[in-house]
Amino acid sequence: MKNKFAIGILFLTLFVFAMLVSCSKSIETYYPLKEGMIWEYQNTFGSHAIKGAEKTIITNLASQKLKGKKVTPQKVEIGGQSHLSFLTEDADGLYEFTEQQPVSVGQEKKSSPFYIIKYPIKAGTTWERMTKTSLSNVPVTLKYTIESIDENVTVPAGTFKGCVKVNGVGDTKTNFNIFGGTIIITITVEHFSWYAPKVGLVKSIIKEKSSHIYEAGEWDMTMQLESFKKSK
């Protein structure tokens, strides 16, 4: 009886340890936070009438303590401007704790955790995140779902297997002034992201559609990994 009890305790201990190890590896697997990693992305964006392209460069800086939390600062460079995003992890997943824009004096703390990926990393996991639309810069809440953990994605940097696919959808209503009057329009937002093992974000697509053609109509942006540098 004692042997069975000891074996049971040992099994439970190993199971808990395996779960903890699995959780600790999850973020590093799909969103590496090691200092020195650099990602370069190719961006295309616009509407039916206007098109554009630019590069995004993301660099992991040395981890630090910020307001009592261990965070990883990421330098994000887009179109000649840069800002810092401070990432941290809790029992629920990886989220942006705060950010610092170029004109900011200090960091702007998020009113609620801005989760990028939530645990458990498996198909069916859901969470919500508030952002702003590109069409009218109005708040919108997106519901994110991990749709798959076994996607194959091809981008300029190559083909990546076993990717996690995340889909976010939501809509919001806003007032729009036209011809001397005001109408209410609906803006629908859809956001797809793919994260590759040991690489991180390899592709992202954002689509926005307005219910009224005079308010830009449709807008989209595709972000694809062009190259990445692993830390030493």
C-alpha atoms as a PDB file:
ATOM      1  CA  MET A   1       0.000   0.000   0.000  1.00  0.00           C
ATOM      2  CA  LYS A   2       2.841   2.363   0.917  1.00  0.00           C
ATOM      3  CA  ASN A   3       4.563   1.613  -2.388  1.00  0.00           C
ATOM      4  CA  LYS A   4       1.381   2.395  -4.325  1.00  0.00           C
ATOM      5  CA  PHE A   5       0.966   5.638  -2.391  1.00  0.00           C
ATOM      6  CA  ALA A   6       4.602   6.623  -3.035  1.00  0.00           C
ATOM      7  CA  ILE A   7       4.250   5.826  -6.739  1.00  0.00           C
ATOM      8  CA  GLY A   8       1.069   7.907  -6.872  1.00  0.00           C
ATOM      9  CA  ILE A   9       2.808  10.883  -5.221  1.00  0.00           C
ATOM     10  CA  LEU A  10       5.783  10.502  -7.581  1.00  0.00           C
ATOM     11  CA  PHE A  11       3.475  10.368 -10.623  1.00  0.00           C
ATOM     12  CA  LEU A  12       1.582  13.459  -9.450  1.00  0.00           C
ATOM     13  CA  THR A  13       4.846  15.349  -8.821  1.00  0.00           C
ATOM     14  CA  LEU A  14       6.191  14.449 -12.264  1.00  0.00           C
ATOM     15  CA  PHE A  15       2.879  15.416 -13.871  1.00  0.00           C
ATOM     16  CA  VAL A  16       2.837  18.843 -12.173  1.00  0.00           C
ATOM     17  CA  PHE A  17       6.503  19.372 -13.062  1.00  0.00           C
ATOM     18  CA  ALA A  18       5.810  18.473 -16.701  1.00  0.00           C
ATOM     19  CA  MET A  19       2.904  20.910 -16.804  1.00  0.00           C
ATOM     20  CA  LEU A  20       5.054  23.698 -15.374  1.00  0.00           C
ATOM     21  CA  VAL A  21       7.864  22.977 -17.816  1.00  0.00           C
ATOM     22  CA  SER A  22       5.352  22.902 -20.654  1.00  0.00           C
ATOM     23  CA  CYS A  23       3.978  26.301 -19.627  1.00  0.00           C
ATOM     24  CA  SER A  24       7.433  27.810 -19.221  1.00  0.00           C
ATOM     25  CA  LYS A  25       8.404  26.672 -22.706  1.00  0.00           C
ATOM     26  CA  SER A  26       5.202  27.768 -24.396  1.00  0.00           C
ATOM     27  CA  ILE A  27       5.998  31.461 -24.685  1.00  0.00           C
ATOM     28  CA  GLU A  28       9.616  30.920 -25.701  1.00  0.00           C
ATOM     29  CA  THR A  29       8.410  28.395 -28.258  1.00  0.00           C
ATOM     30  CA  TYR A  30       6.002  30.666 -30.077  1.00  0.00           C
ATOM     31  CA  TYR A  31       7.110  34.148 -28.976  1.00  0.00           C
ATOM     32  CA  PRO A  32      10.846  34.190 -28.125  1.00  0.00           C
ATOM     33  CA  LEU A  33      11.827  36.879 -25.635  1.00  0.00           C
ATOM     34  CA  LYS A  34      15.599  36.357 -25.616  1.00  0.00           C
ATOM     35  CA  GLU A  35      17.730  39.476 -25.867  1.00  0.00           C
ATOM     36  CA  GLY A  36      19.214  40.147 -29.292  1.00  0.00           C
ATOM     37  CA  MET A  37      16.588  38.543 -31.483  1.00  0.00           C
ATOM     38  CA  ILE A  38      15.650  40.701 -34.484  1.00  0.00           C
ATOM     39  CA  TRP A  39      12.730  40.288 -36.892  1.00  0.00           C
ATOM     40  CA  GLU A  40      12.287  42.180 -40.168  1.00  0.00           C
ATOM     41  CA  TYR A  41       8.832  42.269 -41.730  1.00  0.00           C
ATOM     42  CA  GLN A  42       7.493  43.307 -45.108  1.00  0.00           C
ATOM     43  CA  ASN A  43       4.245  45.297 -44.804  1.00  0.00           C
ATOM     44  CA  THR A  44       1.688  46.037 -47.498  1.00  0.00           C
ATOM     45  CA  PHE A  45      -1.421  48.046 -46.678  1.00  0.00           C
ATOM     46  CA  GLY A  46      -4.172  50.270 -48.011  1.00  0.00           C
ATOM     47  CA  SER A  47      -7.630  50.358 -49.584  1.00  0.00           C
ATOM     48  CA  HIS A  48      -8.906  49.986 -53.137  1.00  0.00           C
ATOM     49  CA  ALA A  49      -7.749  53.507 -53.982  1.00  0.00           C
ATOM     50  CA  ILE A  50      -4.534  53.842 -51.971  1.00  0.00           C
ATOM     51  CA  LYS A  51      -1.753  51.278 -51.533  1.00  0.00           C
ATOM     52  CA  GLY A  52       1.463  51.435 -49.539  1.00  0.00           C
ATOM     53  CA  ALA A  53       4.428  49.407 -48.311  1.00  0.00           C
ATOM     54  CA  GLU A  54       6.953  49.727 -45.509  1.00  0.00           C
ATOM     55  CA  LYS A  55       9.205  47.680 -43.250  1.00  0.00           C
ATOM     56  CA  THR A  56       8.816  46.819 -39.605  1.00  0.00           C
ATOM     57  CA  ILE A  57      11.853  45.866 -37.502  1.00  0.00           C
ATOM     58  CA  ILE A  58      11.384  44.404 -34.017  1.00  0.00           C
ATOM     59  CA  THR A  59      14.332  43.941 -31.636  1.00  0.00           C
ATOM     60  CA  ASN A  60      14.339  42.255 -28.226  1.00  0.00           C
ATOM     61  CA  LEU A  61      16.271  44.306 -25.646  1.00  0.00           C
ATOM     62  CA  ALA A  62      17.633  43.173 -22.284  1.00  0.00           C
ATOM     63  CA  SER A  63      14.966  42.240 -19.721  1.00  0.00           C
ATOM     64  CA  GLN A  64      14.458  44.635 -16.813  1.00  0.00           C
ATOM     65  CA  LYS A  65      12.313  45.326 -13.768  1.00  0.00           C
ATOM     66  CA  LEU A  66       9.458  47.762 -14.332  1.00  0.00           C
ATOM     67  CA  LYS A  67       6.918  48.597 -11.630  1.00  0.00           C
ATOM     68  CA  GLY A  68       7.758  45.374  -9.823  1.00  0.00           C
ATOM     69  CA  LYS A  69       7.491  43.145 -12.900  1.00  0.00           C
ATOM     70  CA  LYS A  70      10.157  41.486 -15.029  1.00  0.00           C
ATOM     71  CA  VAL A  71       9.556  42.752 -18.570  1.00  0.00           C
ATOM     72  CA  THR A  72      11.158  42.351 -21.986  1.00  0.00           C
ATOM     73  CA  PRO A  73      11.354  45.636 -23.901  1.00  0.00           C
ATOM     74  CA  GLN A  74      10.838  45.336 -27.650  1.00  0.00           C
ATOM     75  CA  LYS A  75      11.958  48.142 -29.922  1.00  0.00           C
ATOM     76  CA  VAL A  76       9.453  48.447 -32.768  1.00  0.00           C
ATOM     77  CA  GLU A  77      10.547  50.489 -35.804  1.00  0.00           C
ATOM     78  CA  ILE A  78       7.943  51.361 -38.454  1.00  0.00           C
ATOM     79  CA  GLY A  79       8.312  53.862 -41.266  1.00  0.00           C
ATOM     80  CA  GLY A  80      11.235  55.708 -39.680  1.00  0.00           C
ATOM     81  CA  GLN A  81       9.613  55.970 -36.243  1.00  0.00           C
ATOM     82  CA  SER A  82      10.088  53.728 -33.243  1.00  0.00           C
ATOM     83  CA  HIS A  83       8.474  52.967 -29.909  1.00  0.00           C
ATOM     84  CA  LEU A  84       9.025  50.536 -27.053  1.00  0.00           C
ATOM     85  CA  SER A  85       6.640  47.776 -26.075  1.00  0.00           C
ATOM     86  CA  PHE A  86       7.183  46.102 -22.682  1.00  0.00           C
ATOM     87  CA  LEU A  87       6.110  42.459 -22.568  1.00  0.00           C
ATOM     88  CA  THR A  88       5.604  40.246 -19.545  1.00  0.00           C
ATOM     89  CA  GLU A  89       4.056  36.898 -18.690  1.00  0.00           C
ATOM     90  CA  ASP A  90       1.641  35.691 -16.031  1.00  0.00           C
ATOM     91  CA  ALA A  91      -0.288  32.480 -15.382  1.00  0.00           C
ATOM     92  CA  ASP A  92      -2.719  33.342 -18.190  1.00  0.00           C
ATOM     93  CA  GLY A  93      -0.225  34.079 -20.965  1.00  0.00           C
ATOM     94  CA  LEU A  94       1.953  36.730 -22.600  1.00  0.00           C
ATOM     95  CA  TYR A  95       0.768  40.338 -22.644  1.00  0.00           C
ATOM     96  CA  GLU A  96       1.903  43.896 -23.285  1.00  0.00           C
ATOM     97  CA  PHE A  97       2.240  45.508 -19.857  1.00  0.00           C
ATOM     98  CA  THR A  98       2.983  49.018 -21.073  1.00  0.00           C
ATOM     99  CA  GLU A  99       4.358  50.956 -24.029  1.00  0.00           C
ATOM    100  CA  GLN A 100       6.363  54.097 -24.676  1.00  0.00           C
ATOM    101  CA  GLN A 101       5.665  56.142 -27.796  1.00  0.00           C
ATOM    102  CA  PRO A 102       8.346  58.427 -29.325  1.00  0.00           C
ATOM    103  CA  VAL A 103       6.733  61.566 -27.900  1.00  0.00           C
ATOM    104  CA  SER A 104       6.003  60.058 -24.486  1.00  0.00           C
ATOM    105  CA  VAL A 105       7.827  61.190 -21.377  1.00  0.00           C
ATOM    106  CA  GLY A 106       7.113  57.908 -19.582  1.00  0.00           C
ATOM    107  CA  GLN A 107       5.426  54.584 -20.158  1.00  0.00           C
ATOM    108  CA  GLU A 108       1.706  54.290 -20.714  1.00  0.00           C
ATOM    109  CA  LYS A 109       0.342  51.373 -18.706  1.00  0.00           C
ATOM    110  CA  LYS A 110      -2.461  49.378 -20.276  1.00  0.00           C
ATOM    111  CA  SER A 111      -5.759  49.682 -18.409  1.00  0.00           C
ATOM    112  CA  SER A 112      -6.090  45.892 -18.698  1.00  0.00           C
ATOM    113  CA  PRO A 113      -3.665  43.175 -19.821  1.00  0.00           C
ATOM    114  CA  PHE A 114      -3.213  43.373 -23.609  1.00  0.00           C
ATOM    115  CA  TYR A 115      -2.779  39.621 -24.204  1.00  0.00           C
ATOM    116  CA  ILE A 116      -0.913  38.441 -27.291  1.00  0.00           C
ATOM    117  CA  ILE A 117      -1.183  34.707 -26.596  1.00  0.00           C
ATOM    118  CA  LYS A 118      -3.116  33.020 -23.797  1.00  0.00           C
ATOM    119  CA  TYR A 119      -2.707  29.662 -22.106  1.00  0.00           C
ATOM    120  CA  PRO A 120      -3.326  26.889 -22.748  1.00  0.00           C
ATOM    121  CA  ILE A 121      -1.816  27.066 -26.219  1.00  0.00           C
ATOM    122  CA  LYS A 122      -4.275  24.735 -27.900  1.00  0.00           C
ATOM    123  CA  ALA A 123      -7.152  24.994 -30.370  1.00  0.00           C
ATOM    124  CA  GLY A 124     -10.207  26.552 -28.743  1.00  0.00           C
ATOM    125  CA  THR A 125      -8.506  28.893 -26.244  1.00  0.00           C
ATOM    126  CA  THR A 126     -10.198  32.335 -26.343  1.00  0.00           C
ATOM    127  CA  TRP A 127      -9.671  35.820 -24.907  1.00  0.00           C
ATOM    128  CA  GLU A 128     -10.659  39.430 -25.602  1.00  0.00           C
ATOM    129  CA  ARG A 129      -8.513  42.456 -26.360  1.00  0.00           C
ATOM    130  CA  MET A 130      -9.383  46.094 -26.979  1.00  0.00           C
ATOM    131  CA  THR A 131      -7.675  47.974 -29.807  1.00  0.00           C
ATOM    132  CA  LYS A 132      -8.503  50.823 -32.222  1.00  0.00           C
ATOM    133  CA  THR A 133      -9.639  50.716 -35.820  1.00  0.00           C
ATOM    134  CA  SER A 134      -7.479  52.101 -38.617  1.00  0.00           C
ATOM    135  CA  LEU A 135     -10.465  53.528 -40.508  1.00  0.00           C
ATOM    136  CA  SER A 136     -11.764  55.860 -37.788  1.00  0.00           C
ATOM    137  CA  ASN A 137      -9.422  55.306 -34.820  1.00  0.00           C
ATOM    138  CA  VAL A 138     -12.325  54.227 -32.601  1.00  0.00           C
ATOM    139  CA  PRO A 139     -12.130  51.564 -29.863  1.00  0.00           C
ATOM    140  CA  VAL A 140     -13.140  48.019 -30.769  1.00  0.00           C
ATOM    141  CA  THR A 141     -13.026  44.804 -28.748  1.00  0.00           C
ATOM    142  CA  LEU A 142     -11.834  41.730 -30.609  1.00  0.00           C
ATOM    143  CA  LYS A 143     -12.486  38.166 -29.493  1.00  0.00           C
ATOM    144  CA  TYR A 144      -9.409  36.043 -30.198  1.00  0.00           C
ATOM    145  CA  THR A 145      -9.406  32.279 -30.686  1.00  0.00           C
ATOM    146  CA  ILE A 146      -6.548  29.852 -31.207  1.00  0.00           C
ATOM    147  CA  GLU A 147      -7.876  28.074 -34.298  1.00  0.00           C
ATOM    148  CA  SER A 148      -5.019  25.648 -34.910  1.00  0.00           C
ATOM    149  CA  ILE A 149      -1.564  24.674 -33.649  1.00  0.00           C
ATOM    150  CA  ASP A 150      -0.451  22.857 -36.797  1.00  0.00           C
ATOM    151  CA  GLU A 151      -0.515  25.366 -39.668  1.00  0.00           C
ATOM    152  CA  ASN A 152       2.042  25.559 -42.497  1.00  0.00           C
ATOM    153  CA  VAL A 153       2.853  29.131 -43.562  1.00  0.00           C
ATOM    154  CA  THR A 154       5.010  30.382 -46.445  1.00  0.00           C
ATOM    155  CA  VAL A 155       6.427  33.926 -46.288  1.00  0.00           C
ATOM    156  CA  PRO A 156       9.513  35.620 -47.816  1.00  0.00           C
ATOM    157  CA  ALA A 157      11.670  34.192 -44.981  1.00  0.00           C
ATOM    158  CA  GLY A 158      10.657  30.619 -45.908  1.00  0.00           C
ATOM    159  CA  THR A 159       8.102  27.947 -45.067  1.00  0.00           C
ATOM    160  CA  PHE A 160       7.321  27.323 -41.410  1.00  0.00           C
ATOM    161  CA  LYS A 161       5.526  24.246 -40.084  1.00  0.00           C
ATOM    162  CA  GLY A 162       3.567  23.648 -36.903  1.00  0.00           C
ATOM    163  CA  CYS A 163       2.439  27.263 -36.557  1.00  0.00           C
ATOM    164  CA  VAL A 164      -0.173  28.486 -34.094  1.00  0.00           C
ATOM    165  CA  LYS A 165      -2.985  30.326 -35.898  1.00  0.00           C
ATOM    166  CA  VAL A 166      -4.886  32.986 -33.963  1.00  0.00           C
ATOM    167  CA  ASN A 167      -8.016  34.706 -35.263  1.00  0.00           C
ATOM    168  CA  GLY A 168      -9.567  37.855 -33.781  1.00  0.00           C
ATOM    169  CA  VAL A 169     -12.954  39.274 -34.816  1.00  0.00           C
ATOM    170  CA  GLY A 170     -15.104  42.171 -33.657  1.00  0.00           C
ATOM    171  CA  ASP A 171     -17.102  45.204 -34.721  1.00  0.00           C
ATOM    172  CA  THR A 172     -17.942  48.659 -33.459  1.00  0.00           C
ATOM    173  CA  LYS A 173     -20.331  51.500 -34.286  1.00  0.00           C
ATOM    174  CA  THR A 174     -19.370  55.154 -34.693  1.00  0.00           C
ATOM    175  CA  ASN A 175     -20.927  58.423 -35.867  1.00  0.00           C
ATOM    176  CA  PHE A 176     -19.972  59.721 -39.313  1.00  0.00           C
ATOM    177  CA  ASN A 177     -20.766  63.213 -40.572  1.00  0.00           C
ATOM    178  CA  ILE A 178     -21.865  63.383 -44.207  1.00  0.00           C
ATOM    179  CA  PHE A 179     -23.765  65.932 -46.310  1.00  0.00           C
ATOM    180  CA  GLY A 180     -24.517  68.040 -43.237  1.00  0.00           C
ATOM    181  CA  GLY A 181     -25.978  65.137 -41.288  1.00  0.00           C
ATOM    182  CA  THR A 182     -24.798  62.305 -39.056  1.00  0.00           C
ATOM    183  CA  ILE A 183     -25.146  58.604 -39.704  1.00  0.00           C
ATOM    184  CA  ILE A 184     -24.084  55.600 -37.657  1.00  0.00           C
ATOM    185  CA  ILE A 185     -21.704  53.231 -39.403  1.00  0.00           C
ATOM    186  CA  THR A 186     -20.438  49.794 -38.393  1.00  0.00           C
ATOM    187  CA  ILE A 187     -16.778  48.856 -38.777  1.00  0.00           C
ATOM    188  CA  THR A 188     -15.960  45.147 -38.804  1.00  0.00           C
ATOM    189  CA  VAL A 189     -12.411  44.047 -37.935  1.00  0.00           C
ATOM    190  CA  GLU A 190     -10.732  40.683 -38.526  1.00  0.00           C
ATOM    191  CA  HIS A 191      -7.188  39.880 -37.453  1.00  0.00           C
ATOM    192  CA  PHE A 192      -5.222  36.709 -38.319  1.00  0.00           C
ATOM    193  CA  SER A 193      -1.789  35.873 -36.846  1.00  0.00           C
ATOM    194  CA  TRP A 194       0.567  32.913 -37.283  1.00  0.00           C
ATOM    195  CA  TYR A 195       3.345  32.071 -34.789  1.00  0.00           C
ATOM    196  CA  ALA A 196       6.082  29.590 -35.753  1.00  0.00           C
ATOM    197  CA  PRO A 197       7.988  27.409 -33.242  1.00  0.00           C
ATOM    198  CA  LYS A 198      11.312  28.980 -32.166  1.00  0.00           C
ATOM    199  CA  VAL A 199      10.694  31.953 -34.482  1.00  0.00           C
ATOM    200  CA  GLY A 200       7.621  33.856 -33.309  1.00  0.00           C
ATOM    201  CA  LEU A 201       5.245  35.909 -35.447  1.00  0.00           C
ATOM    202  CA  VAL A 202       5.702  35.046 -39.140  1.00  0.00           C
ATOM    203  CA  LYS A 203       2.536  36.508 -40.648  1.00  0.00           C
ATOM    204  CA  SER A 204      -0.311  38.830 -39.719  1.00  0.00           C
ATOM    205  CA  ILE A 205      -3.351  40.021 -41.669  1.00  0.00           C
ATOM    206  CA  ILE A 206      -5.722  42.783 -40.548  1.00  0.00           C
ATOM    207  CA  LYS A 207      -8.935  43.469 -42.479  1.00  0.00           C
ATOM    208  CA  GLU A 208     -11.379  46.279 -41.784  1.00  0.00           C
ATOM    209  CA  LYS A 209     -14.666  46.953 -43.546  1.00  0.00           C
ATOM    210  CA  SER A 210     -17.043  49.855 -43.101  1.00  0.00           C
ATOM    211  CA  SER A 211     -20.787  49.656 -43.677  1.00  0.00           C
ATOM    212  CA  HIS A 212     -20.609  52.982 -45.565  1.00  0.00           C
ATOM    213  CA  ILE A 213     -18.477  53.504 -48.673  1.00  0.00           C
ATOM    214  CA  TYR A 214     -17.714  57.146 -47.813  1.00  0.00           C
ATOM    215  CA  GLU A 215     -15.852  56.104 -44.704  1.00  0.00           C
ATOM    216  CA  ALA A 216     -12.916  54.478 -46.548  1.00  0.00           C
ATOM    217  CA  GLY A 217     -14.958  51.350 -47.322  1.00  0.00           C
ATOM    218  CA  GLU A 218     -12.291  48.693 -46.821  1.00  0.00           C
ATOM    219  CA  TRP A 219      -8.738  48.660 -45.501  1.00  0.00           C
ATOM    220  CA  ASP A 220      -6.254  45.835 -45.005  1.00  0.00           C
ATOM    221  CA  MET A 221      -2.660  45.213 -43.964  1.00  0.00           C
ATOM    222  CA  THR A 222      -0.490  42.141 -44.473  1.00  0.00           C
ATOM    223  CA  MET A 223       2.721  41.713 -42.495  1.00  0.00           C
ATOM    224  CA  GLN A 224       5.126  38.929 -43.517  1.00  0.00           C
ATOM    225  CA  LEU A 225       8.464  37.860 -42.032  1.00  0.00           C
ATOM    226  CA  GLU A 226      11.347  38.707 -44.335  1.00  0.00           C
ATOM    227  CA  SER A 227      14.268  37.685 -42.102  1.00  0.00           C
ATOM    228  CA  PHE A 228      15.102  37.013 -38.466  1.00  0.00           C
ATOM    229  CA  LYS A 229      18.232  36.790 -36.361  1.00  0.00           C
ATOM    230  CA  LYS A 230      18.470  34.465 -33.408  1.00  0.00           C
ATOM    231  CA  SER A 231      20.198  35.541 -30.206  1.00  0.00           C
ATOM    232  CA  LYS A 232      23.631  34.081 -29.481  1.00  0.00           C
END
